[in-house]
Amino acid sequence: MTAAEKERLRRRVLEEGVDRAAFVPVTEIRFDRSFRDICATNACGNYGRCWMCPPDVGDIDEMMARAKTFDTALVYQTVDPLEDSFDFEGMMAAAARSSRISQGLTGVFRGWGLGRWLQLGAGGCHVCGQCARRTNEPCRHPDLALASLETYGVNVSQLASAAGMNYINGQNTVTYFGALLFCEDEK
């Protein structure tokens, strides 16, 4: 992919409503299996209740190895204001906005003519109102389902730094990240 093509893709991603987007070599991304241990604490309530979350999504070592087969990541972030640091409703609204943007980007990436690619979002999948995993049914939308960066062991704080972005964007804001991993020479 030429520099001009990459810049067109970056600008196209910005058109979808992300606040910042930048390319990072996958070799600069830190992967850490301990993020899976954090998932296992089930702070979000999705552990074992979402096909795209642990433990159902797959083995962490295999997932990290798969992510490392790509050479480039297009990292994107959304930043939303909050009324205050306790604005849970604002955080959930921002998470929903980030998820909608990531879902829209799936279509953009499909139409871009990339070869092999992997899109990772923020938090759980969020495609369905309730994941089919909760009723022991197969995933309803495997072509749309998104795993999170953390599910693949990505250190998002370090990823933000590698992309030249802030992980925290000031008081009374919430920031979410996503990324497209791909190989520049595959079409």
N, C-alpha and C. Protein backbone atom coordinates (compact mmCIF):
# COMPACT_ATOMS: atom_id res chain seq x y z
N MET A 1 0.85 -1.17 0.00
CA MET A 1 0.00 0.00 0.00
C MET A 1 0.90 1.23 0.00
N THR A 2 0.64 2.13 -0.90
CA THR A 2 1.47 3.33 -0.99
C THR A 2 1.13 4.29 0.15
N ALA A 3 2.00 5.24 0.37
CA ALA A 3 1.76 6.26 1.40
C ALA A 3 0.48 7.03 1.09
N ALA A 4 0.23 7.30 -0.18
CA ALA A 4 -0.99 8.03 -0.56
C ALA A 4 -2.24 7.20 -0.28
N GLU A 5 -2.18 5.90 -0.55
CA GLU A 5 -3.33 5.02 -0.26
C GLU A 5 -3.58 4.94 1.25
N LYS A 6 -2.50 4.85 2.02
CA LYS A 6 -2.65 4.82 3.47
C LYS A 6 -3.29 6.10 3.97
N GLU A 7 -2.87 7.22 3.44
CA GLU A 7 -3.44 8.50 3.88
C GLU A 7 -4.92 8.59 3.49
N ARG A 8 -5.28 8.09 2.31
CA ARG A 8 -6.70 8.07 1.92
C ARG A 8 -7.52 7.21 2.88
N LEU A 9 -6.97 6.07 3.27
CA LEU A 9 -7.67 5.19 4.21
C LEU A 9 -7.79 5.88 5.57
N ARG A 10 -6.74 6.52 6.02
CA ARG A 10 -6.79 7.22 7.31
C ARG A 10 -7.85 8.32 7.28
N ARG A 11 -7.89 9.08 6.21
CA ARG A 11 -8.90 10.14 6.09
C ARG A 11 -10.31 9.57 6.01
N ARG A 12 -10.45 8.43 5.33
CA ARG A 12 -11.77 7.79 5.24
C ARG A 12 -12.25 7.35 6.62
N VAL A 13 -11.35 6.84 7.43
CA VAL A 13 -11.69 6.44 8.80
C VAL A 13 -12.13 7.66 9.60
N LEU A 14 -11.44 8.78 9.44
CA LEU A 14 -11.82 10.01 10.14
C LEU A 14 -13.23 10.45 9.73
N GLU A 15 -13.58 10.25 8.48
CA GLU A 15 -14.92 10.62 8.00
C GLU A 15 -16.02 9.85 8.71
N GLU A 16 -15.70 8.69 9.26
CA GLU A 16 -16.69 7.88 9.97
C GLU A 16 -16.95 8.38 11.39
N GLY A 17 -16.20 9.38 11.84
CA GLY A 17 -16.46 9.97 13.14
C GLY A 17 -15.43 9.72 14.21
N VAL A 18 -14.32 9.07 13.87
CA VAL A 18 -13.27 8.91 14.88
C VAL A 18 -12.57 10.25 15.06
N ASP A 19 -11.95 10.43 16.21
CA ASP A 19 -11.29 11.70 16.49
C ASP A 19 -9.85 11.73 16.00
N ARG A 20 -9.18 10.58 16.04
CA ARG A 20 -7.80 10.49 15.57
C ARG A 20 -7.58 9.11 14.96
N ALA A 21 -6.67 9.06 14.00
CA ALA A 21 -6.30 7.78 13.39
C ALA A 21 -4.84 7.87 12.95
N ALA A 22 -4.09 6.80 13.18
CA ALA A 22 -2.68 6.78 12.81
C ALA A 22 -2.23 5.35 12.57
N PHE A 23 -1.21 5.20 11.75
CA PHE A 23 -0.64 3.89 11.45
C PHE A 23 0.51 3.58 12.40
N VAL A 24 0.59 2.31 12.78
CA VAL A 24 1.64 1.82 13.67
C VAL A 24 2.10 0.47 13.14
N PRO A 25 3.41 0.24 13.04
CA PRO A 25 3.86 -1.11 12.69
C PRO A 25 3.45 -2.08 13.80
N VAL A 26 2.97 -3.24 13.43
CA VAL A 26 2.55 -4.22 14.43
C VAL A 26 3.72 -4.61 15.34
N THR A 27 4.92 -4.53 14.82
CA THR A 27 6.09 -4.86 15.65
C THR A 27 6.25 -3.89 16.83
N GLU A 28 5.60 -2.73 16.77
CA GLU A 28 5.68 -1.76 17.87
C GLU A 28 4.55 -1.93 18.88
N ILE A 29 3.67 -2.89 18.66
CA ILE A 29 2.56 -3.14 19.58
C ILE A 29 3.00 -4.14 20.63
N ARG A 30 2.76 -3.82 21.89
CA ARG A 30 3.08 -4.75 22.97
C ARG A 30 1.88 -5.63 23.25
N PHE A 31 2.12 -6.92 23.23
CA PHE A 31 1.10 -7.91 23.57
C PHE A 31 1.45 -8.50 24.93
N ASP A 32 0.44 -8.75 25.73
CA ASP A 32 0.68 -9.26 27.08
C ASP A 32 -0.49 -10.15 27.47
N ARG A 33 -0.16 -11.40 27.74
CA ARG A 33 -1.22 -12.37 28.08
C ARG A 33 -1.92 -12.04 29.38
N SER A 34 -1.34 -11.17 30.22
CA SER A 34 -1.97 -10.83 31.50
C SER A 34 -3.29 -10.09 31.31
N PHE A 35 -3.51 -9.52 30.14
CA PHE A 35 -4.81 -8.86 29.90
C PHE A 35 -5.94 -9.88 29.94
N ARG A 36 -5.65 -11.12 29.60
CA ARG A 36 -6.66 -12.17 29.70
C ARG A 36 -7.03 -12.43 31.15
N ASP A 37 -6.04 -12.32 32.05
CA ASP A 37 -6.30 -12.48 33.48
C ASP A 37 -7.23 -11.37 33.98
N ILE A 38 -7.05 -10.18 33.45
CA ILE A 38 -7.94 -9.07 33.82
C ILE A 38 -9.35 -9.38 33.35
N CYS A 39 -9.49 -9.92 32.14
CA CYS A 39 -10.82 -10.30 31.64
C CYS A 39 -11.48 -11.32 32.57
N ALA A 40 -10.68 -12.23 33.07
CA ALA A 40 -11.22 -13.31 33.92
C ALA A 40 -11.81 -12.79 35.23
N THR A 41 -11.47 -11.56 35.63
CA THR A 41 -12.08 -10.99 36.84
C THR A 41 -13.53 -10.62 36.59
N ASN A 42 -13.94 -10.58 35.32
CA ASN A 42 -15.32 -10.32 34.90
C ASN A 42 -15.87 -8.98 35.38
N ALA A 43 -15.04 -7.96 35.41
CA ALA A 43 -15.50 -6.63 35.82
C ALA A 43 -16.59 -6.10 34.89
N CYS A 44 -16.56 -6.48 33.62
CA CYS A 44 -17.56 -5.99 32.66
C CYS A 44 -18.80 -6.86 32.60
N GLY A 45 -18.73 -8.05 33.15
CA GLY A 45 -19.88 -8.95 33.13
C GLY A 45 -20.01 -9.80 31.88
N ASN A 46 -19.05 -9.74 30.97
CA ASN A 46 -19.13 -10.48 29.71
C ASN A 46 -18.30 -11.76 29.69
N TYR A 47 -17.50 -12.01 30.72
CA TYR A 47 -16.66 -13.20 30.72
C TYR A 47 -17.57 -14.45 30.70
N GLY A 48 -17.41 -15.25 29.66
CA GLY A 48 -18.23 -16.45 29.50
C GLY A 48 -19.66 -16.17 29.06
N ARG A 49 -19.93 -14.91 28.67
CA ARG A 49 -21.29 -14.53 28.28
C ARG A 49 -21.34 -13.85 26.91
N CYS A 50 -20.22 -13.86 26.19
CA CYS A 50 -20.14 -13.23 24.87
C CYS A 50 -19.16 -14.04 24.03
N TRP A 51 -19.58 -14.41 22.82
CA TRP A 51 -18.73 -15.23 21.96
C TRP A 51 -17.39 -14.56 21.65
N MET A 52 -17.36 -13.23 21.64
CA MET A 52 -16.13 -12.53 21.28
C MET A 52 -15.30 -12.14 22.49
N CYS A 53 -15.67 -12.64 23.66
CA CYS A 53 -14.93 -12.38 24.90
C CYS A 53 -14.39 -13.71 25.43
N PRO A 54 -13.40 -13.61 26.31
CA PRO A 54 -12.88 -14.83 26.93
C PRO A 54 -13.96 -15.49 27.78
N PRO A 55 -13.88 -16.76 27.98
CA PRO A 55 -12.89 -17.69 27.44
C PRO A 55 -13.27 -18.21 26.05
N ASP A 56 -14.49 -17.91 25.59
CA ASP A 56 -15.01 -18.50 24.35
C ASP A 56 -14.30 -18.04 23.09
N VAL A 57 -13.72 -16.86 23.09
CA VAL A 57 -13.14 -16.29 21.88
C VAL A 57 -11.90 -17.05 21.41
N GLY A 58 -11.20 -17.71 22.33
CA GLY A 58 -10.04 -18.49 21.91
C GLY A 58 -8.86 -18.34 22.86
N ASP A 59 -7.84 -19.12 22.58
CA ASP A 59 -6.63 -19.14 23.38
C ASP A 59 -5.83 -17.85 23.18
N ILE A 60 -5.44 -17.21 24.26
CA ILE A 60 -4.74 -15.92 24.19
C ILE A 60 -3.43 -16.03 23.42
N ASP A 61 -2.68 -17.07 23.61
CA ASP A 61 -1.40 -17.19 22.90
C ASP A 61 -1.61 -17.34 21.40
N GLU A 62 -2.62 -18.10 21.00
CA GLU A 62 -2.94 -18.23 19.58
C GLU A 62 -3.43 -16.91 19.00
N MET A 63 -4.20 -16.18 19.77
CA MET A 63 -4.72 -14.90 19.28
C MET A 63 -3.60 -13.87 19.13
N MET A 64 -2.70 -13.82 20.11
CA MET A 64 -1.57 -12.90 19.99
C MET A 64 -0.70 -13.28 18.79
N ALA A 65 -0.48 -14.57 18.60
CA ALA A 65 0.32 -15.03 17.46
C ALA A 65 -0.35 -14.64 16.15
N ARG A 66 -1.67 -14.78 16.08
CA ARG A 66 -2.40 -14.39 14.86
C ARG A 66 -2.24 -12.89 14.60
N ALA A 67 -2.41 -12.07 15.63
CA ALA A 67 -2.29 -10.62 15.46
C ALA A 67 -0.91 -10.24 14.95
N LYS A 68 0.10 -10.94 15.41
CA LYS A 68 1.48 -10.64 15.02
C LYS A 68 1.79 -11.04 13.58
N THR A 69 0.87 -11.74 12.90
CA THR A 69 1.11 -12.09 11.50
C THR A 69 0.84 -10.92 10.56
N PHE A 70 0.27 -9.84 11.06
CA PHE A 70 0.02 -8.64 10.26
C PHE A 70 1.19 -7.68 10.42
N ASP A 71 1.39 -6.80 9.47
CA ASP A 71 2.53 -5.88 9.60
C ASP A 71 2.15 -4.46 9.98
N THR A 72 0.90 -4.06 9.76
CA THR A 72 0.51 -2.67 9.99
C THR A 72 -0.80 -2.62 10.76
N ALA A 73 -0.91 -1.64 11.64
CA ALA A 73 -2.17 -1.38 12.34
C ALA A 73 -2.59 0.06 12.09
N LEU A 74 -3.85 0.23 11.74
CA LEU A 74 -4.45 1.56 11.67
C LEU A 74 -5.22 1.72 12.98
N VAL A 75 -4.67 2.50 13.89
CA VAL A 75 -5.24 2.69 15.21
C VAL A 75 -6.17 3.90 15.15
N TYR A 76 -7.35 3.77 15.75
CA TYR A 76 -8.27 4.92 15.79
C TYR A 76 -8.85 5.06 17.19
N GLN A 77 -9.22 6.30 17.52
CA GLN A 77 -9.77 6.58 18.83
C GLN A 77 -10.96 7.53 18.75
N THR A 78 -11.86 7.36 19.72
CA THR A 78 -12.95 8.30 19.91
C THR A 78 -12.77 8.91 21.29
N VAL A 79 -13.06 10.18 21.40
CA VAL A 79 -12.96 10.90 22.67
C VAL A 79 -14.29 11.61 22.89
N ASP A 80 -14.92 11.34 24.03
CA ASP A 80 -16.21 11.94 24.32
C ASP A 80 -16.20 12.66 25.67
N PRO A 81 -16.93 13.78 25.75
CA PRO A 81 -17.00 14.51 27.02
C PRO A 81 -17.92 13.81 28.01
N LEU A 82 -17.63 13.99 29.28
CA LEU A 82 -18.47 13.49 30.36
C LEU A 82 -18.86 14.67 31.24
N GLU A 83 -20.00 14.55 31.94
CA GLU A 83 -20.39 15.61 32.87
C GLU A 83 -19.40 15.70 34.01
N ASP A 84 -18.94 14.55 34.48
CA ASP A 84 -17.93 14.47 35.54
C ASP A 84 -17.36 13.06 35.52
N SER A 85 -16.43 12.78 36.40
CA SER A 85 -15.77 11.47 36.37
C SER A 85 -16.66 10.33 36.84
N PHE A 86 -17.86 10.64 37.32
CA PHE A 86 -18.81 9.61 37.75
C PHE A 86 -19.96 9.44 36.77
N ASP A 87 -19.84 10.03 35.58
CA ASP A 87 -20.91 10.03 34.58
C ASP A 87 -20.97 8.68 33.86
N PHE A 88 -21.54 7.68 34.54
CA PHE A 88 -21.62 6.33 33.99
C PHE A 88 -22.45 6.31 32.71
N GLU A 89 -23.57 7.03 32.70
CA GLU A 89 -24.42 7.07 31.50
C GLU A 89 -23.66 7.65 30.32
N GLY A 90 -22.86 8.69 30.57
CA GLY A 90 -22.04 9.28 29.52
C GLY A 90 -21.00 8.31 29.00
N MET A 91 -20.42 7.53 29.91
CA MET A 91 -19.43 6.52 29.49
C MET A 91 -20.08 5.46 28.62
N MET A 92 -21.29 5.04 29.00
CA MET A 92 -21.99 4.02 28.22
C MET A 92 -22.42 4.57 26.85
N ALA A 93 -22.85 5.82 26.81
CA ALA A 93 -23.21 6.45 25.53
C ALA A 93 -21.98 6.56 24.63
N ALA A 94 -20.84 6.91 25.22
CA ALA A 94 -19.60 7.01 24.45
C ALA A 94 -19.16 5.64 23.94
N ALA A 95 -19.33 4.61 24.77
CA ALA A 95 -18.99 3.25 24.36
C ALA A 95 -19.88 2.82 23.20
N ALA A 96 -21.16 3.17 23.27
CA ALA A 96 -22.09 2.82 22.19
C ALA A 96 -21.71 3.55 20.91
N ARG A 97 -21.32 4.82 21.01
CA ARG A 97 -20.90 5.58 19.83
C ARG A 97 -19.65 4.95 19.22
N SER A 98 -18.69 4.60 20.07
CA SER A 98 -17.47 3.95 19.59
C SER A 98 -17.79 2.65 18.87
N SER A 99 -18.70 1.88 19.45
CA SER A 99 -19.10 0.61 18.85
C SER A 99 -19.78 0.81 17.50
N ARG A 100 -20.67 1.79 17.41
CA ARG A 100 -21.34 2.09 16.12
C ARG A 100 -20.32 2.48 15.06
N ILE A 101 -19.35 3.28 15.46
CA ILE A 101 -18.31 3.69 14.51
C ILE A 101 -17.51 2.48 14.06
N SER A 102 -17.12 1.63 15.00
CA SER A 102 -16.36 0.43 14.62
C SER A 102 -17.16 -0.45 13.68
N GLN A 103 -18.45 -0.61 13.94
CA GLN A 103 -19.30 -1.41 13.05
C GLN A 103 -19.35 -0.79 11.66
N GLY A 104 -19.46 0.53 11.59
CA GLY A 104 -19.45 1.21 10.29
C GLY A 104 -18.12 1.03 9.57
N LEU A 105 -17.05 1.04 10.34
CA LEU A 105 -15.73 0.86 9.74
C LEU A 105 -15.55 -0.54 9.16
N THR A 106 -16.24 -1.52 9.71
CA THR A 106 -16.15 -2.87 9.14
C THR A 106 -16.51 -2.84 7.66
N GLY A 107 -17.58 -2.15 7.32
CA GLY A 107 -17.97 -2.02 5.91
C GLY A 107 -16.94 -1.26 5.09
N VAL A 108 -16.38 -0.22 5.67
CA VAL A 108 -15.34 0.55 4.97
C VAL A 108 -14.15 -0.35 4.68
N PHE A 109 -13.71 -1.11 5.67
CA PHE A 109 -12.54 -1.97 5.49
C PHE A 109 -12.82 -3.07 4.47
N ARG A 110 -14.03 -3.62 4.49
CA ARG A 110 -14.38 -4.66 3.50
C ARG A 110 -14.30 -4.11 2.09
N GLY A 111 -14.73 -2.89 1.91
CA GLY A 111 -14.75 -2.29 0.58
C GLY A 111 -13.42 -1.71 0.14
N TRP A 112 -12.43 -1.76 0.98
CA TRP A 112 -11.14 -1.12 0.66
C TRP A 112 -10.24 -2.00 -0.19
N GLY A 113 -10.57 -3.25 -0.35
CA GLY A 113 -9.75 -4.12 -1.17
C GLY A 113 -8.51 -4.65 -0.46
N LEU A 114 -8.57 -4.71 0.85
CA LEU A 114 -7.46 -5.28 1.62
C LEU A 114 -7.47 -6.80 1.43
N GLY A 115 -6.34 -7.40 1.61
CA GLY A 115 -6.28 -8.86 1.59
C GLY A 115 -6.79 -9.39 2.92
N ARG A 116 -5.91 -9.98 3.66
CA ARG A 116 -6.22 -10.51 4.98
C ARG A 116 -6.16 -9.37 5.99
N TRP A 117 -7.17 -9.27 6.86
CA TRP A 117 -7.17 -8.22 7.87
C TRP A 117 -7.95 -8.65 9.11
N LEU A 118 -7.73 -7.92 10.19
CA LEU A 118 -8.37 -8.20 11.47
C LEU A 118 -8.73 -6.86 12.10
N GLN A 119 -9.99 -6.70 12.43
CA GLN A 119 -10.43 -5.49 13.10
C GLN A 119 -10.71 -5.81 14.57
N LEU A 120 -10.21 -4.97 15.44
CA LEU A 120 -10.42 -5.11 16.87
C LEU A 120 -11.02 -3.83 17.42
N GLY A 121 -11.96 -3.97 18.33
CA GLY A 121 -12.65 -2.80 18.87
C GLY A 121 -12.34 -2.58 20.34
N ALA A 122 -13.25 -1.85 20.97
CA ALA A 122 -13.14 -1.53 22.40
C ALA A 122 -14.21 -2.30 23.15
N GLY A 123 -13.81 -2.92 24.25
CA GLY A 123 -14.79 -3.63 25.07
C GLY A 123 -15.33 -4.86 24.37
N GLY A 124 -16.51 -5.26 24.73
CA GLY A 124 -17.14 -6.43 24.13
C GLY A 124 -17.61 -6.16 22.72
N CYS A 125 -18.27 -7.12 22.12
CA CYS A 125 -18.66 -7.07 20.71
C CYS A 125 -19.71 -6.00 20.42
N HIS A 126 -20.81 -6.00 21.09
CA HIS A 126 -21.89 -5.01 20.96
C HIS A 126 -22.68 -5.05 19.65
N VAL A 127 -22.51 -6.06 18.81
CA VAL A 127 -23.30 -6.12 17.58
C VAL A 127 -24.76 -6.40 17.91
N CYS A 128 -25.00 -7.34 18.79
CA CYS A 128 -26.37 -7.71 19.16
C CYS A 128 -26.72 -7.09 20.52
N GLY A 129 -28.00 -6.86 20.73
CA GLY A 129 -28.44 -6.37 22.02
C GLY A 129 -28.10 -7.34 23.14
N GLN A 130 -28.21 -8.61 22.85
CA GLN A 130 -27.82 -9.66 23.79
C GLN A 130 -27.11 -10.74 22.99
N CYS A 131 -25.90 -11.06 23.39
CA CYS A 131 -25.12 -12.07 22.68
C CYS A 131 -25.82 -13.43 22.76
N ALA A 132 -25.80 -14.14 21.65
CA ALA A 132 -26.39 -15.49 21.58
C ALA A 132 -25.70 -16.45 22.54
N ARG A 133 -24.51 -16.13 22.99
CA ARG A 133 -23.80 -16.98 23.96
C ARG A 133 -24.60 -17.13 25.24
N ARG A 134 -25.36 -16.10 25.59
CA ARG A 134 -26.14 -16.12 26.85
C ARG A 134 -27.27 -17.13 26.80
N THR A 135 -27.69 -17.50 25.60
CA THR A 135 -28.74 -18.51 25.45
C THR A 135 -28.20 -19.79 24.81
N ASN A 136 -26.86 -19.92 24.79
CA ASN A 136 -26.18 -21.09 24.24
C ASN A 136 -26.49 -21.35 22.77
N GLU A 137 -26.64 -20.28 22.01
CA GLU A 137 -26.85 -20.38 20.57
C GLU A 137 -25.58 -19.94 19.86
N PRO A 138 -25.41 -20.32 18.60
CA PRO A 138 -24.23 -19.84 17.86
C PRO A 138 -24.32 -18.33 17.61
N CYS A 139 -23.18 -17.74 17.36
CA CYS A 139 -23.13 -16.31 17.05
C CYS A 139 -24.05 -16.01 15.87
N ARG A 140 -24.89 -14.99 16.02
CA ARG A 140 -25.84 -14.62 14.96
C ARG A 140 -25.17 -13.89 13.80
N HIS A 141 -24.08 -13.20 14.07
CA HIS A 141 -23.42 -12.38 13.05
C HIS A 141 -21.91 -12.55 13.08
N PRO A 142 -21.41 -13.76 12.78
CA PRO A 142 -19.96 -13.97 12.86
C PRO A 142 -19.17 -13.08 11.89
N ASP A 143 -19.81 -12.61 10.82
CA ASP A 143 -19.12 -11.74 9.87
C ASP A 143 -19.01 -10.30 10.38
N LEU A 144 -19.76 -9.96 11.42
CA LEU A 144 -19.72 -8.61 11.99
C LEU A 144 -19.11 -8.55 13.39
N ALA A 145 -19.05 -9.69 14.06
CA ALA A 145 -18.61 -9.74 15.46
C ALA A 145 -17.17 -9.22 15.61
N LEU A 146 -16.94 -8.44 16.65
CA LEU A 146 -15.63 -7.86 16.90
C LEU A 146 -15.13 -8.24 18.29
N ALA A 147 -13.92 -8.71 18.35
CA ALA A 147 -13.25 -8.89 19.64
C ALA A 147 -12.56 -7.58 19.99
N SER A 148 -12.20 -7.44 21.24
CA SER A 148 -11.54 -6.21 21.67
C SER A 148 -10.02 -6.32 21.53
N LEU A 149 -9.38 -5.18 21.56
CA LEU A 149 -7.92 -5.14 21.57
C LEU A 149 -7.37 -5.94 22.75
N GLU A 150 -7.97 -5.74 23.93
CA GLU A 150 -7.49 -6.42 25.12
C GLU A 150 -7.68 -7.93 25.02
N THR A 151 -8.74 -8.38 24.36
CA THR A 151 -8.98 -9.80 24.19
C THR A 151 -7.81 -10.45 23.44
N TYR A 152 -7.18 -9.69 22.55
CA TYR A 152 -6.01 -10.17 21.82
C TYR A 152 -4.70 -9.87 22.56
N GLY A 153 -4.81 -9.38 23.80
CA GLY A 153 -3.62 -9.14 24.60
C GLY A 153 -2.91 -7.84 24.30
N VAL A 154 -3.56 -6.91 23.59
CA VAL A 154 -2.93 -5.64 23.23
C VAL A 154 -2.89 -4.72 24.46
N ASN A 155 -1.73 -4.17 24.73
CA ASN A 155 -1.57 -3.15 25.76
C ASN A 155 -2.01 -1.83 25.13
N VAL A 156 -3.24 -1.42 25.41
CA VAL A 156 -3.83 -0.26 24.73
C VAL A 156 -3.15 1.04 25.13
N SER A 157 -2.73 1.15 26.36
CA SER A 157 -2.02 2.36 26.79
C SER A 157 -0.74 2.55 25.97
N GLN A 158 0.00 1.47 25.79
CA GLN A 158 1.23 1.53 24.99
C GLN A 158 0.90 1.75 23.52
N LEU A 159 -0.20 1.15 23.04
CA LEU A 159 -0.63 1.33 21.65
C LEU A 159 -0.92 2.80 21.37
N ALA A 160 -1.60 3.44 22.30
CA ALA A 160 -1.90 4.86 22.14
C ALA A 160 -0.61 5.66 21.98
N SER A 161 0.36 5.38 22.83
CA SER A 161 1.64 6.08 22.76
C SER A 161 2.33 5.82 21.42
N ALA A 162 2.33 4.57 20.98
CA ALA A 162 2.97 4.23 19.69
C ALA A 162 2.31 4.95 18.53
N ALA A 163 1.01 5.22 18.67
CA ALA A 163 0.26 5.90 17.60
C ALA A 163 0.30 7.42 17.74
N GLY A 164 1.00 7.91 18.77
CA GLY A 164 1.08 9.35 18.98
C GLY A 164 -0.21 9.93 19.53
N MET A 165 -0.99 9.11 20.23
CA MET A 165 -2.27 9.55 20.79
C MET A 165 -2.20 9.51 22.31
N ASN A 166 -3.06 10.28 22.94
CA ASN A 166 -3.19 10.23 24.39
C ASN A 166 -4.11 9.09 24.76
N TYR A 167 -3.74 8.36 25.78
CA TYR A 167 -4.61 7.31 26.33
C TYR A 167 -5.70 7.95 27.16
N ILE A 168 -5.36 9.01 27.87
CA ILE A 168 -6.32 9.80 28.64
C ILE A 168 -6.31 11.19 28.03
N ASN A 169 -7.48 11.69 27.70
CA ASN A 169 -7.59 12.96 26.98
C ASN A 169 -8.17 14.09 27.84
N GLY A 170 -7.82 14.09 29.09
CA GLY A 170 -8.22 15.18 29.96
C GLY A 170 -9.35 14.82 30.89
N GLN A 171 -9.52 15.68 31.86
CA GLN A 171 -10.56 15.49 32.86
C GLN A 171 -11.93 15.51 32.19
N ASN A 172 -12.82 14.67 32.69
CA ASN A 172 -14.20 14.61 32.21
C ASN A 172 -14.30 14.22 30.74
N THR A 173 -13.45 13.29 30.33
CA THR A 173 -13.55 12.69 29.00
C THR A 173 -13.38 11.18 29.14
N VAL A 174 -13.84 10.46 28.13
CA VAL A 174 -13.61 9.03 28.05
C VAL A 174 -13.12 8.73 26.63
N THR A 175 -12.13 7.86 26.54
CA THR A 175 -11.49 7.56 25.26
C THR A 175 -11.59 6.07 24.98
N TYR A 176 -11.97 5.73 23.75
CA TYR A 176 -12.03 4.33 23.32
C TYR A 176 -11.16 4.16 22.08
N PHE A 177 -10.57 2.97 21.94
CA PHE A 177 -9.67 2.68 20.83
C PHE A 177 -10.15 1.47 20.03
N GLY A 178 -9.79 1.45 18.77
CA GLY A 178 -9.97 0.31 17.91
C GLY A 178 -8.79 0.25 16.96
N ALA A 179 -8.68 -0.82 16.20
CA ALA A 179 -7.57 -0.93 15.25
C ALA A 179 -7.91 -1.91 14.13
N LEU A 180 -7.38 -1.62 12.98
CA LEU A 180 -7.41 -2.51 11.83
C LEU A 180 -5.99 -3.02 11.64
N LEU A 181 -5.80 -4.33 11.74
CA LEU A 181 -4.50 -4.93 11.48
C LEU A 181 -4.55 -5.54 10.08
N PHE A 182 -3.53 -5.28 9.29
CA PHE A 182 -3.52 -5.80 7.91
C PHE A 182 -2.08 -5.91 7.41
N CYS A 183 -1.93 -6.54 6.26
CA CYS A 183 -0.63 -6.63 5.61
C CYS A 183 -0.64 -5.71 4.39
N GLU A 184 0.29 -4.81 4.35
CA GLU A 184 0.30 -3.79 3.29
C GLU A 184 0.49 -4.36 1.90
N ASP A 185 1.17 -5.50 1.78
CA ASP A 185 1.46 -6.03 0.45
C ASP A 185 0.46 -7.07 -0.02
N GLU A 186 -0.60 -7.31 0.77
CA GLU A 186 -1.63 -8.29 0.38
C GLU A 186 -2.85 -7.57 -0.16
N LYS A 187 -3.33 -8.00 -1.28
CA LYS A 187 -4.57 -7.46 -1.87
C LYS A 187 -5.43 -8.58 -2.33
